[in-house]
C-alpha atoms as a PDB file:
ATOM      1  CA  MET A   1       5.747 -10.054 -30.768  1.00  0.00           C
ATOM      2  CA  ILE A   2       3.264 -11.317 -28.188  1.00  0.00           C
ATOM      3  CA  ARG A   3       5.842 -13.358 -26.553  1.00  0.00           C
ATOM      4  CA  LYS A   4       8.307 -10.570 -26.320  1.00  0.00           C
ATOM      5  CA  HIS A   5       5.684  -8.273 -24.826  1.00  0.00           C
ATOM      6  CA  ILE A   6       4.792 -10.830 -22.087  1.00  0.00           C
ATOM      7  CA  ARG A   7       8.402 -11.314 -21.342  1.00  0.00           C
ATOM      8  CA  GLN A   8       8.880  -7.511 -20.883  1.00  0.00           C
ATOM      9  CA  MET A   9       5.829  -7.447 -18.517  1.00  0.00           C
ATOM     10  CA  ALA A  10       7.168 -10.356 -16.541  1.00  0.00           C
ATOM     11  CA  LYS A  11      10.502  -8.486 -16.048  1.00  0.00           C
ATOM     12  CA  MET A  12       8.812  -5.371 -15.011  1.00  0.00           C
ATOM     13  CA  ALA A  13       6.768  -7.385 -12.497  1.00  0.00           C
ATOM     14  CA  LEU A  14       9.952  -8.789 -11.034  1.00  0.00           C
ATOM     15  CA  LEU A  15      11.461  -5.386 -10.635  1.00  0.00           C
ATOM     16  CA  LEU A  16       8.416  -3.550  -9.237  1.00  0.00           C
ATOM     17  CA  LEU A  17       7.999  -4.757  -5.617  1.00  0.00           C
ATOM     18  CA  PRO A  18      11.409  -4.064  -4.303  1.00  0.00           C
ATOM     19  CA  LEU A  19      11.113  -0.366  -5.510  1.00  0.00           C
ATOM     20  CA  VAL A  20       7.992  -0.080  -3.287  1.00  0.00           C
ATOM     21  CA  PHE A  21      10.301  -0.921  -0.395  1.00  0.00           C
ATOM     22  CA  ALA A  22      13.131   1.176  -1.629  1.00  0.00           C
ATOM     23  CA  ALA A  23      10.702   4.260  -1.844  1.00  0.00           C
ATOM     24  CA  CYS A  24       9.239   3.376   1.546  1.00  0.00           C
ATOM     25  CA  GLY A  25      12.413   2.383   3.221  1.00  0.00           C
ATOM     26  CA  SER A  26      12.584   5.654   5.312  1.00  0.00           C
ATOM     27  CA  LYS A  27       9.377   5.210   7.111  1.00  0.00           C
ATOM     28  CA  LYS A  28       9.822   4.466  10.679  1.00  0.00           C
ATOM     29  CA  ASN A  29       7.799   2.574  13.333  1.00  0.00           C
ATOM     30  CA  LEU A  30       4.842   1.671  11.211  1.00  0.00           C
ATOM     31  CA  VAL A  31       1.939  -0.361  12.568  1.00  0.00           C
ATOM     32  CA  THR A  32       2.818  -3.680  13.819  1.00  0.00           C
ATOM     33  CA  GLU A  33      -0.765  -5.078  13.591  1.00  0.00           C
ATOM     34  CA  ASN A  34      -3.532  -3.598  11.689  1.00  0.00           C
ATOM     35  CA  ASN A  35      -7.035  -4.345  12.792  1.00  0.00           C
ATOM     36  CA  ILE A  36      -8.340  -0.773  12.102  1.00  0.00           C
ATOM     37  CA  GLY A  37     -10.965  -2.033   9.912  1.00  0.00           C
ATOM     38  CA  ASN A  38     -12.698  -3.823  12.681  1.00  0.00           C
ATOM     39  CA  ASN A  39     -12.570  -0.884  15.140  1.00  0.00           C
ATOM     40  CA  THR A  40     -15.676   0.900  16.322  1.00  0.00           C
ATOM     41  CA  VAL A  41     -14.780   4.419  17.661  1.00  0.00           C
ATOM     42  CA  ASN A  42     -17.239   6.661  19.594  1.00  0.00           C
ATOM     43  CA  THR A  43     -18.541   9.410  17.216  1.00  0.00           C
ATOM     44  CA  THR A  44     -20.598  11.307  19.800  1.00  0.00           C
ATOM     45  CA  ASN A  45     -19.964  14.863  19.736  1.00  0.00           C
ATOM     46  CA  THR A  46     -21.252  16.745  22.797  1.00  0.00           C
ATOM     47  CA  GLY A  47     -19.991  20.182  21.947  1.00  0.00           C
ATOM     48  CA  SER A  48     -21.317  22.900  19.677  1.00  0.00           C
ATOM     49  CA  SER A  49     -18.954  25.882  20.391  1.00  0.00           C
ATOM     50  CA  THR A  50     -15.661  26.633  18.991  1.00  0.00           C
ATOM     51  CA  THR A  51     -13.540  26.562  22.188  1.00  0.00           C
ATOM     52  CA  PRO A  52     -10.254  24.621  21.894  1.00  0.00           C
ATOM     53  CA  SER A  53     -11.344  21.724  24.022  1.00  0.00           C
ATOM     54  CA  GLU A  54     -14.573  21.322  21.887  1.00  0.00           C
ATOM     55  CA  ALA A  55     -12.778  22.007  18.765  1.00  0.00           C
ATOM     56  CA  LYS A  56     -10.575  18.905  19.698  1.00  0.00           C
ATOM     57  CA  VAL A  57     -13.759  16.894  20.311  1.00  0.00           C
ATOM     58  CA  SER A  58     -15.129  17.961  16.927  1.00  0.00           C
ATOM     59  CA  ASN A  59     -11.821  16.797  15.293  1.00  0.00           C
ATOM     60  CA  SER A  60     -11.913  13.536  17.079  1.00  0.00           C
ATOM     61  CA  THR A  61     -15.466  12.961  16.039  1.00  0.00           C
ATOM     62  CA  TYR A  62     -14.506  13.550  12.400  1.00  0.00           C
ATOM     63  CA  LEU A  63     -11.608  11.075  12.808  1.00  0.00           C
ATOM     64  CA  ALA A  64     -13.654   8.473  14.259  1.00  0.00           C
ATOM     65  CA  LYS A  65     -16.175   8.798  11.438  1.00  0.00           C
ATOM     66  CA  VAL A  66     -13.352   8.381   8.907  1.00  0.00           C
ATOM     67  CA  ILE A  67     -12.162   5.409  10.672  1.00  0.00           C
ATOM     68  CA  ASN A  68     -15.590   3.808  10.906  1.00  0.00           C
ATOM     69  CA  ASN A  69     -16.308   4.372   7.237  1.00  0.00           C
ATOM     70  CA  ALA A  70     -13.381   2.058   6.182  1.00  0.00           C
ATOM     71  CA  SER A  71     -14.142  -1.354   4.976  1.00  0.00           C
ATOM     72  CA  THR A  72     -14.632  -4.038   7.553  1.00  0.00           C
ATOM     73  CA  GLN A  73     -14.533  -6.961   5.061  1.00  0.00           C
ATOM     74  CA  ASN A  74     -11.939  -9.648   5.877  1.00  0.00           C
ATOM     75  CA  ALA A  75     -11.195 -10.654   2.341  1.00  0.00           C
ATOM     76  CA  MET A  76     -11.492  -9.363  -1.271  1.00  0.00           C
ATOM     77  CA  VAL A  77     -10.815 -10.717  -4.683  1.00  0.00           C
ATOM     78  CA  ALA A  78     -10.978  -8.536  -7.795  1.00  0.00           C
ATOM     79  CA  ASN A  79      -9.874  -8.577 -11.394  1.00  0.00           C
ATOM     80  CA  ILE A  80      -7.544  -5.684 -12.074  1.00  0.00           C
ATOM     81  CA  ASP A  81      -6.060  -3.541 -14.829  1.00  0.00           C
ATOM     82  CA  PHE A  82      -2.465  -3.042 -13.697  1.00  0.00           C
ATOM     83  CA  ASN A  83      -0.605  -0.091 -15.082  1.00  0.00           C
ATOM     84  CA  LEU A  84       3.053   0.653 -14.442  1.00  0.00           C
ATOM     85  CA  LYS A  85       4.844   3.807 -15.712  1.00  0.00           C
ATOM     86  CA  SER A  86       8.502   4.386 -15.053  1.00  0.00           C
ATOM     87  CA  GLY A  87      10.527   6.750 -17.344  1.00  0.00           C
ATOM     88  CA  LYS A  88       9.566   5.693 -20.905  1.00  0.00           C
ATOM     89  CA  LYS A  89       8.031   2.551 -19.773  1.00  0.00           C
ATOM     90  CA  ASP A  90       4.247   2.362 -19.792  1.00  0.00           C
ATOM     91  CA  ILE A  91       2.781  -1.191 -19.528  1.00  0.00           C
ATOM     92  CA  THR A  92      -0.810  -2.152 -18.858  1.00  0.00           C
ATOM     93  CA  VAL A  93      -1.675  -5.827 -18.056  1.00  0.00           C
ATOM     94  CA  ASP A  94      -4.550  -7.794 -16.851  1.00  0.00           C
ATOM     95  CA  GLY A  95      -4.421  -9.309 -13.447  1.00  0.00           C
ATOM     96  CA  LYS A  96      -6.048 -10.047 -10.076  1.00  0.00           C
ATOM     97  CA  LEU A  97      -5.766  -8.463  -6.573  1.00  0.00           C
ATOM     98  CA  SER A  98      -6.489 -10.941  -3.611  1.00  0.00           C
ATOM     99  CA  MET A  99      -6.467  -9.871   0.066  1.00  0.00           C
ATOM    100  CA  LYS A 100      -7.089 -11.479   3.250  1.00  0.00           C
ATOM    101  CA  ARG A 101      -6.964  -9.102   6.361  1.00  0.00           C
ATOM    102  CA  GLY A 102      -3.955  -9.989   8.527  1.00  0.00           C
ATOM    103  CA  GLU A 103      -2.644 -12.650   6.164  1.00  0.00           C
ATOM    104  CA  VAL A 104      -1.768 -11.565   2.580  1.00  0.00           C
ATOM    105  CA  VAL A 105      -1.954  -9.045  -0.236  1.00  0.00           C
ATOM    106  CA  ARG A 106      -1.419 -10.661  -3.552  1.00  0.00           C
ATOM    107  CA  ILE A 107      -1.258  -9.227  -7.064  1.00  0.00           C
ATOM    108  CA  GLN A 108      -1.111 -11.728 -10.060  1.00  0.00           C
ATOM    109  CA  LEU A 109      -0.165 -10.435 -13.518  1.00  0.00           C
ATOM    110  CA  THR A 110      -1.967 -12.308 -16.409  1.00  0.00           C
ATOM    111  CA  PRO A 111      -1.642 -10.441 -19.779  1.00  0.00           C
ATOM    112  CA  MET A 112      -4.553 -10.945 -21.989  1.00  0.00           C
ATOM    113  CA  GLY A 113      -5.819 -13.345 -19.531  1.00  0.00           C
ATOM    114  CA  LEU A 114      -3.707 -16.038 -21.028  1.00  0.00           C
ATOM    115  CA  MET A 115      -1.291 -16.947 -18.293  1.00  0.00           C
ATOM    116  CA  GLU A 116       0.249 -15.775 -15.049  1.00  0.00           C
ATOM    117  CA  VAL A 117       3.596 -14.113 -15.768  1.00  0.00           C
ATOM    118  CA  GLY A 118       4.266 -12.527 -12.374  1.00  0.00           C
ATOM    119  CA  ARG A 119       3.092 -12.560  -8.800  1.00  0.00           C
ATOM    120  CA  LEU A 120       3.763  -9.921  -6.128  1.00  0.00           C
ATOM    121  CA  GLU A 121       2.877 -11.125  -2.610  1.00  0.00           C
ATOM    122  CA  PHE A 122       3.134  -9.552   0.773  1.00  0.00           C
ATOM    123  CA  THR A 123       2.506 -11.732   3.704  1.00  0.00           C
ATOM    124  CA  LYS A 124       3.015 -11.256   7.473  1.00  0.00           C
ATOM    125  CA  ASP A 125       6.427 -12.733   7.410  1.00  0.00           C
ATOM    126  CA  SER A 126       7.899 -12.471   3.965  1.00  0.00           C
ATOM    127  CA  VAL A 127       7.898 -10.777   0.477  1.00  0.00           C
ATOM    128  CA  LEU A 128       7.591 -12.978  -2.677  1.00  0.00           C
ATOM    129  CA  ILE A 129       8.105 -12.028  -6.205  1.00  0.00           C
ATOM    130  CA  MET A 130       7.749 -14.646  -8.816  1.00  0.00           C
ATOM    131  CA  ASP A 131       8.701 -14.227 -12.539  1.00  0.00           C
ATOM    132  CA  ARG A 132       7.165 -17.172 -14.156  1.00  0.00           C
ATOM    133  CA  ILE A 133       8.443 -16.617 -17.572  1.00  0.00           C
ATOM    134  CA  HIS A 134      12.023 -16.768 -16.639  1.00  0.00           C
ATOM    135  CA  LYS A 135      11.408 -19.026 -13.584  1.00  0.00           C
ATOM    136  CA  GLN A 136      13.048 -16.726 -11.147  1.00  0.00           C
ATOM    137  CA  TYR A 137      11.847 -15.665  -7.602  1.00  0.00           C
ATOM    138  CA  LEU A 138      12.701 -13.461  -4.741  1.00  0.00           C
ATOM    139  CA  LYS A 139      11.591 -14.356  -1.196  1.00  0.00           C
ATOM    140  CA  SER A 140      12.707 -12.453   1.855  1.00  0.00           C
ATOM    141  CA  SER A 141      11.540 -11.774   5.382  1.00  0.00           C
ATOM    142  CA  TYR A 142      11.180  -8.116   6.167  1.00  0.00           C
ATOM    143  CA  ASP A 143      14.046  -8.238   8.586  1.00  0.00           C
ATOM    144  CA  GLN A 144      16.510  -9.714   6.339  1.00  0.00           C
ATOM    145  CA  VAL A 145      16.843  -6.497   4.368  1.00  0.00           C
ATOM    146  CA  SER A 146      18.760  -3.834   6.232  1.00  0.00           C
ATOM    147  CA  PHE A 147      16.733  -0.797   4.984  1.00  0.00           C
ATOM    148  CA  LEU A 148      13.451  -2.650   5.764  1.00  0.00           C
ATOM    149  CA  LYS A 149      14.627  -3.773   9.248  1.00  0.00           C
ATOM    150  CA  ASN A 150      16.088  -0.499  10.259  1.00  0.00           C
ATOM    151  CA  ASN A 151      13.178   1.592   9.141  1.00  0.00           C
ATOM    152  CA  GLY A 152      10.348  -0.587  10.405  1.00  0.00           C
ATOM    153  CA  ILE A 153       8.585  -1.337   7.268  1.00  0.00           C
ATOM    154  CA  ASP A 154       6.263  -4.466   7.677  1.00  0.00           C
ATOM    155  CA  PHE A 155       3.166  -6.111   6.050  1.00  0.00           C
ATOM    156  CA  ASN A 156       0.818  -4.277   8.227  1.00  0.00           C
ATOM    157  CA  ALA A 157       1.701  -0.817   7.042  1.00  0.00           C
ATOM    158  CA  LEU A 158       1.215  -1.762   3.394  1.00  0.00           C
ATOM    159  CA  GLN A 159      -2.026  -3.591   4.082  1.00  0.00           C
ATOM    160  CA  ALA A 160      -3.548  -0.482   5.655  1.00  0.00           C
ATOM    161  CA  LEU A 161      -2.689   1.410   2.491  1.00  0.00           C
ATOM    162  CA  PHE A 162      -4.277  -1.281   0.131  1.00  0.00           C
ATOM    163  CA  TRP A 163      -7.386  -1.293   2.429  1.00  0.00           C
ATOM    164  CA  ASN A 164      -7.810   2.468   2.298  1.00  0.00           C
ATOM    165  CA  GLN A 165      -7.389   2.787   5.968  1.00  0.00           C
ATOM    166  CA  LEU A 166      -6.001   5.508   8.364  1.00  0.00           C
ATOM    167  CA  PHE A 167      -3.106   4.320  10.616  1.00  0.00           C
ATOM    168  CA  LEU A 168      -0.982   5.698  13.370  1.00  0.00           C
ATOM    169  CA  PRO A 169       2.710   4.723  13.214  1.00  0.00           C
ATOM    170  CA  GLY A 170       3.701   2.755  16.275  1.00  0.00           C
ATOM    171  CA  GLU A 171       0.144   1.798  17.347  1.00  0.00           C
ATOM    172  CA  LYS A 172      -1.604  -1.508  16.887  1.00  0.00           C
ATOM    173  CA  SER A 173      -4.932  -0.156  16.245  1.00  0.00           C
ATOM    174  CA  LEU A 174      -6.905   3.148  16.496  1.00  0.00           C
ATOM    175  CA  GLY A 175      -9.182   3.918  19.358  1.00  0.00           C
ATOM    176  CA  GLU A 176     -10.335   7.130  21.101  1.00  0.00           C
ATOM    177  CA  LYS A 177      -7.011   7.449  22.979  1.00  0.00           C
ATOM    178  CA  GLN A 178      -5.005   7.504  19.628  1.00  0.00           C
ATOM    179  CA  LEU A 179      -7.062  10.193  17.966  1.00  0.00           C
ATOM    180  CA  ASP A 180      -5.342  13.126  19.862  1.00  0.00           C
ATOM    181  CA  ALA A 181      -2.076  12.150  17.953  1.00  0.00           C
ATOM    182  CA  PHE A 182      -3.499  13.414  14.569  1.00  0.00           C
ATOM    183  CA  LYS A 183      -3.815  17.056  13.616  1.00  0.00           C
ATOM    184  CA  VAL A 184      -6.970  17.853  11.700  1.00  0.00           C
ATOM    185  CA  GLU A 185      -7.132  21.022   9.430  1.00  0.00           C
ATOM    186  CA  GLY A 186     -10.226  21.226   7.343  1.00  0.00           C
ATOM    187  CA  THR A 187     -10.363  17.943   5.336  1.00  0.00           C
ATOM    188  CA  ASN A 188      -6.686  17.122   5.940  1.00  0.00           C
ATOM    189  CA  ILE A 189      -5.289  14.752   8.571  1.00  0.00           C
ATOM    190  CA  SER A 190      -1.608  14.851   9.469  1.00  0.00           C
ATOM    191  CA  TYR A 191       0.940  13.362  11.746  1.00  0.00           C
ATOM    192  CA  GLN A 192       4.605  14.186  12.214  1.00  0.00           C
ATOM    193  CA  LYS A 193       7.373  12.155  13.910  1.00  0.00           C
ATOM    194  CA  GLY A 194      11.059  12.799  13.481  1.00  0.00           C
ATOM    195  CA  LYS A 195      11.924  13.135   9.837  1.00  0.00           C
ATOM    196  CA  MET A 196       8.602  11.577   8.681  1.00  0.00           C
ATOM    197  CA  ASP A 197       5.499  13.522   7.596  1.00  0.00           C
ATOM    198  CA  TYR A 198       2.188  11.853   7.018  1.00  0.00           C
ATOM    199  CA  LEU A 199      -0.640  13.440   5.295  1.00  0.00           C
ATOM    200  CA  TRP A 200      -3.991  12.020   4.579  1.00  0.00           C
ATOM    201  CA  LYS A 201      -6.803  13.906   2.524  1.00  0.00           C
ATOM    202  CA  THR A 202     -10.445  13.179   2.952  1.00  0.00           C
ATOM    203  CA  ASP A 203     -13.725  13.895   1.210  1.00  0.00           C
ATOM    204  CA  LYS A 204     -15.664  15.898   3.808  1.00  0.00           C
ATOM    205  CA  GLU A 205     -19.077  14.897   2.306  1.00  0.00           C
ATOM    206  CA  VAL A 206     -18.522  11.112   2.557  1.00  0.00           C
ATOM    207  CA  GLU A 207     -16.064  11.231   5.431  1.00  0.00           C
ATOM    208  CA  GLN A 208     -13.602   8.911   3.395  1.00  0.00           C
ATOM    209  CA  LEU A 209      -9.930   8.927   2.683  1.00  0.00           C
ATOM    210  CA  ILE A 210      -9.044  10.004  -0.812  1.00  0.00           C
ATOM    211  CA  SER A 211      -5.235  10.022  -0.483  1.00  0.00           C
ATOM    212  CA  ALA A 212      -2.175   9.159   1.737  1.00  0.00           C
ATOM    213  CA  LEU A 213       1.186  10.581   1.540  1.00  0.00           C
ATOM    214  CA  ALA A 214       4.289   9.603   3.624  1.00  0.00           C
ATOM    215  CA  THR A 215       7.475  11.656   3.219  1.00  0.00           C
ATOM    216  CA  TYR A 216      10.791  11.176   4.599  1.00  0.00           C
ATOM    217  CA  THR A 217      13.343  14.045   4.518  1.00  0.00           C
ATOM    218  CA  GLY A 218      16.884  12.858   5.570  1.00  0.00           C
ATOM    219  CA  THR A 219      20.194  14.661   5.628  1.00  0.00           C
ATOM    220  CA  SER A 220      22.596  12.319   3.722  1.00  0.00           C
ATOM    221  CA  SER A 221      19.951   9.864   2.548  1.00  0.00           C
ATOM    222  CA  GLY A 222      17.892  12.410   0.560  1.00  0.00           C
ATOM    223  CA  LYS A 223      14.146  12.452   0.219  1.00  0.00           C
ATOM    224  CA  SER A 224      11.627   9.756  -0.316  1.00  0.00           C
ATOM    225  CA  SER A 225       7.943   9.623  -0.527  1.00  0.00           C
ATOM    226  CA  ILE A 226       4.999   7.144  -1.192  1.00  0.00           C
ATOM    227  CA  GLY A 227       1.727   8.623  -2.253  1.00  0.00           C
ATOM    228  CA  TRP A 228      -1.634   6.525  -2.582  1.00  0.00           C
ATOM    229  CA  ASP A 229      -4.645   8.141  -4.338  1.00  0.00           C
ATOM    230  CA  TYR A 230      -8.080   6.600  -4.036  1.00  0.00           C
ATOM    231  CA  SER A 231     -10.950   7.306  -6.361  1.00  0.00           C
ATOM    232  CA  ASP A 232     -13.916   5.706  -8.235  1.00  0.00           C
ATOM    233  CA  PHE A 233     -15.496   4.501  -4.994  1.00  0.00           C
ATOM    234  CA  LYS A 234     -17.907   1.582  -5.256  1.00  0.00           C
ATOM    235  CA  THR A 235     -20.051  -0.158  -2.783  1.00  0.00           C
ATOM    236  CA  PHE A 236     -18.426  -3.133  -1.310  1.00  0.00           C
ATOM    237  CA  GLY A 237     -19.608  -4.907   1.750  1.00  0.00           C
ATOM    238  CA  GLY A 238     -22.080  -2.103   2.364  1.00  0.00           C
ATOM    239  CA  LYS A 239     -19.308   0.730   2.483  1.00  0.00           C
ATOM    240  CA  PRO A 240     -17.561   2.733  -0.236  1.00  0.00           C
ATOM    241  CA  PHE A 241     -14.173   1.272  -1.335  1.00  0.00           C
ATOM    242  CA  PRO A 242     -11.822   2.688  -4.056  1.00  0.00           C
ATOM    243  CA  ALA A 243     -12.118   0.838  -7.238  1.00  0.00           C
ATOM    244  CA  TYR A 244      -9.069   2.782  -8.418  1.00  0.00           C
ATOM    245  CA  GLN A 245      -5.766   3.229  -6.519  1.00  0.00           C
ATOM    246  CA  LEU A 246      -2.830   5.208  -7.817  1.00  0.00           C
ATOM    247  CA  ILE A 247       0.484   4.485  -6.082  1.00  0.00           C
ATOM    248  CA  THR A 248       3.326   6.979  -6.615  1.00  0.00           C
ATOM    249  CA  LEU A 249       6.868   6.204  -5.483  1.00  0.00           C
ATOM    250  CA  ASP A 250       9.371   9.061  -5.504  1.00  0.00           C
ATOM    251  CA  THR A 251      12.936   8.825  -4.171  1.00  0.00           C
ATOM    252  CA  ASN A 252      16.314  10.292  -4.684  1.00  0.00           C
ATOM    253  CA  ALA A 253      17.812   8.389  -1.863  1.00  0.00           C
ATOM    254  CA  ARG A 254      20.446   6.781  -4.008  1.00  0.00           C
ATOM    255  CA  GLY A 255      21.562  10.034  -5.624  1.00  0.00           C
ATOM    256  CA  SER A 256      19.267  10.134  -8.641  1.00  0.00           C
ATOM    257  CA  GLN A 257      15.515  10.874  -8.937  1.00  0.00           C
ATOM    258  CA  LYS A 258      13.261   7.927  -9.433  1.00  0.00           C
ATOM    259  CA  VAL A 259       9.499   8.034  -9.954  1.00  0.00           C
ATOM    260  CA  ILE A 260       7.314   5.007 -10.580  1.00  0.00           C
ATOM    261  CA  ASN A 261       3.514   5.201 -10.906  1.00  0.00           C
ATOM    262  CA  VAL A 262       1.339   2.097 -10.325  1.00  0.00           C
ATOM    263  CA  GLY A 263      -2.338   2.225 -11.099  1.00  0.00           C
ATOM    264  CA  LEU A 264      -4.818  -0.532  -9.912  1.00  0.00           C
ATOM    265  CA  LYS A 265      -8.171  -0.481 -11.498  1.00  0.00           C
ATOM    266  CA  LEU A 266     -10.375  -3.022  -9.434  1.00  0.00           C
ATOM    267  CA  LYS A 267     -13.148  -4.707 -11.268  1.00  0.00           C
ATOM    268  CA  SER A 268     -15.804  -7.200  -9.987  1.00  0.00           C
ATOM    269  CA  MET A 269     -14.865  -6.871  -6.273  1.00  0.00           C
ATOM    270  CA  LYS A 270     -15.947  -9.837  -4.283  1.00  0.00           C
ATOM    271  CA  ALA A 271     -15.697 -10.760  -0.589  1.00  0.00           C
ATOM    272  CA  ASP A 272     -14.359 -14.138  -1.497  1.00  0.00           C
ATOM    273  CA  SER A 273     -12.300 -15.910   1.249  1.00  0.00           C
ATOM    274  CA  ASP A 274     -12.247 -19.379  -0.356  1.00  0.00           C
ATOM    275  CA  TRP A 275      -8.627 -19.478  -1.640  1.00  0.00           C
ATOM    276  CA  ASP A 276      -5.283 -20.398  -0.503  1.00  0.00           C
ATOM    277  CA  THR A 277      -3.059 -17.883   0.923  1.00  0.00           C
ATOM    278  CA  VAL A 278       0.202 -19.870   0.742  1.00  0.00           C
ATOM    279  CA  THR A 279       2.191 -19.711  -2.518  1.00  0.00           C
ATOM    280  CA  LYS A 280       4.627 -22.710  -2.919  1.00  0.00           C
ATOM    281  CA  VAL A 281       7.586 -22.107  -5.163  1.00  0.00           C
ATOM    282  CA  SER A 282       8.618 -24.968  -7.329  1.00  0.00           C
ATOM    283  CA  GLY A 283      12.246 -26.278  -7.074  1.00  0.00           C
ATOM    284  CA  LYS A 284      12.598 -25.373 -10.776  1.00  0.00           C
ATOM    285  CA  TYR A 285      12.697 -21.686  -9.970  1.00  0.00           C
ATOM    286  CA  LYS A 286      15.982 -19.798  -9.422  1.00  0.00           C
ATOM    287  CA  PRO A 287      16.293 -17.499  -6.417  1.00  0.00           C
ATOM    288  CA  VAL A 288      17.658 -13.912  -6.999  1.00  0.00           C
ATOM    289  CA  LYS A 289      18.884 -11.415  -4.531  1.00  0.00           C
ATOM    290  CA  LEU A 290      16.868  -8.329  -3.514  1.00  0.00           C
ATOM    291  CA  GLU A 291      19.770  -5.965  -3.734  1.00  0.00           C
ATOM    292  CA  ASP A 292      20.466  -7.156  -7.278  1.00  0.00           C
ATOM    293  CA  VAL A 293      16.914  -6.432  -8.355  1.00  0.00           C
ATOM    294  CA  ILE A 294      17.064  -2.995  -6.813  1.00  0.00           C
ATOM    295  CA  ASN A 295      20.153  -2.235  -8.725  1.00  0.00           C
ATOM    296  CA  GLN A 296      18.344  -3.272 -12.001  1.00  0.00           C
ATOM    297  CA  ILE A 297      15.490  -1.103 -11.095  1.00  0.00           C
ATOM    298  CA  LEU A 298      17.676   2.133 -10.984  1.00  0.00           C
ATOM    299  CA  LYS A 299      18.719   1.327 -14.539  1.00  0.00           C
ATOM    300  CA  ILE A 300      15.161   1.289 -15.955  1.00  0.00           C
ATOM    301  CA  GLN A 301      14.683   4.299 -18.273  1.00  0.00           C
END
């Protein structure tokens, strides 16, 4: 029974990551380099009236505070509870989240802490999924997959979401000159470009991002969205960081509605950078195709 359960989790691990891309595949012109966390934006507000120009200054000041409140740590390692829900599937497994800014975001799945059954890894140049139970793997550069290449999805966009950061599509970083591109209404921050709509919600009291939502509305390709909710903030490197992240992927781009929820509960967060960012795949592992995996995902009930 335990072995069967482990195999099931490994299979779900193998299927998960491509769906992230399938759901995000409509996002265009995302950041090509993300060093937002190291930015320092001037937060001085010289106005106190409500004229349009001074209202803009006030909004820019608030945006700058949200940006500056993001984590500036260069690395993180945390044990996690990884929960995946899709249709009737509801699986929770132990694991680990490891991140090095500008290099890698890695999720390892280790049910009951006994063994690693799956690895999901984003690097600057490629995507890697390893199913250690069945000795299968998928590795592909972002531009080798048509819906990724055509829609500008890269490592840096996903990195910003994992690090709880605001980003501007098409910009390498956020400085004072970029702040005018955002629209601020109360605690909501938004940006619209073409068929893409971006919405971030913030907590006014702590000036922190609490959710992000990117929605693509196409004509023939349907509607897709990726939502990222942040909660249970803990102090990490002197700043609040979300110890719980809920990722919601929703798409009908292929003619049928598909929703997957991924919950990451982070435990014992450490600014540990003493680990290898390169995963070497054994010659004993069999490669699989991304499109085949996506087709399997759509059959999950």
